[in-house]
Protein backbone atom coordinates (compact mmCIF):
# COMPACT_ATOMS: atom_id res chain seq x y z
CA MET A 1 11.94 -19.60 -4.73
CA LYS A 2 14.19 -20.76 -7.55
CA ALA A 3 14.79 -24.10 -5.87
CA ALA A 4 11.06 -24.59 -5.33
CA GLU A 5 10.36 -23.68 -8.96
CA GLU A 6 12.98 -26.13 -10.19
CA ARG A 7 11.60 -28.97 -8.05
CA LEU A 8 8.05 -28.29 -9.19
CA ARG A 9 9.13 -28.24 -12.86
CA ALA A 10 10.94 -31.54 -12.33
CA LEU A 11 7.72 -33.01 -10.93
CA GLY A 12 5.76 -31.83 -14.00
CA CYS A 13 3.89 -29.02 -12.24
CA PRO A 14 2.63 -26.63 -14.96
CA LYS A 15 1.86 -23.60 -12.77
CA ILE A 16 2.25 -22.03 -9.33
CA ASN A 17 -0.75 -20.15 -7.93
CA LEU A 18 -0.62 -17.62 -5.09
CA GLN A 19 -3.30 -15.79 -3.14
CA VAL A 20 -2.24 -12.33 -1.98
CA ARG A 21 -4.46 -9.65 -0.55
CA ASN A 22 -4.94 -6.61 -2.85
CA SER A 23 -3.77 -4.36 -0.04
CA ASN A 24 -0.42 -6.15 0.31
CA LYS A 25 1.37 -4.07 -2.32
CA GLY A 26 4.90 -4.99 -1.17
CA VAL A 27 4.27 -8.69 -1.54
CA ILE A 28 2.60 -8.19 -4.93
CA ALA A 29 5.63 -6.18 -6.12
CA PHE A 30 7.99 -8.90 -4.86
CA TYR A 31 6.25 -11.66 -6.76
CA GLU A 32 5.97 -9.54 -9.91
CA ARG A 33 9.75 -8.92 -9.76
CA ILE A 34 10.43 -12.65 -9.78
CA GLY A 35 8.10 -13.35 -12.72
CA PHE A 36 4.60 -13.81 -11.37
CA LYS A 37 1.72 -12.06 -13.17
CA VAL A 38 -1.77 -11.17 -12.01
CA ASP A 39 -4.35 -13.59 -13.47
CA ASP A 40 -7.82 -12.40 -14.40
CA VAL A 41 -9.64 -14.68 -11.95
CA ILE A 42 -11.83 -14.34 -8.90
CA SER A 43 -10.94 -16.07 -5.65
CA MET A 44 -14.02 -16.99 -3.70
CA GLY A 45 -14.33 -18.13 -0.13
CA MET A 46 -16.80 -18.50 2.69
CA ARG A 47 -15.90 -18.07 6.36
CA LEU A 48 -17.66 -21.01 7.99
CA TRP A 49 -18.00 -19.60 11.49
CA GLU A 50 -19.71 -16.44 10.24
CA HIS A 51 -21.98 -18.46 7.94
CA ILE A 52 -23.01 -20.77 10.78
CA ARG A 53 -23.69 -17.86 13.12
CA GLU A 54 -25.85 -16.10 10.50
CA ALA A 55 -27.82 -19.33 9.86
CA GLN A 56 -28.49 -19.77 13.57
CA GLU A 57 -29.77 -16.19 13.89
CA THR A 58 -32.41 -16.77 11.17
CA VAL A 59 -33.87 -19.83 12.91
């Protein structure tokens, strides 16, 4: 991770973002130990296959 952080800084990258499931406590703890913090944001997504199937059922 340190090498990746150094390369990103050298490229001018201001921030690294991760998406981790709330239930994955071990991974959350790992990233917190190396300096990551939980941001107060909402990650939104839409599973396309489920959305398409639901739309077809309403026709």
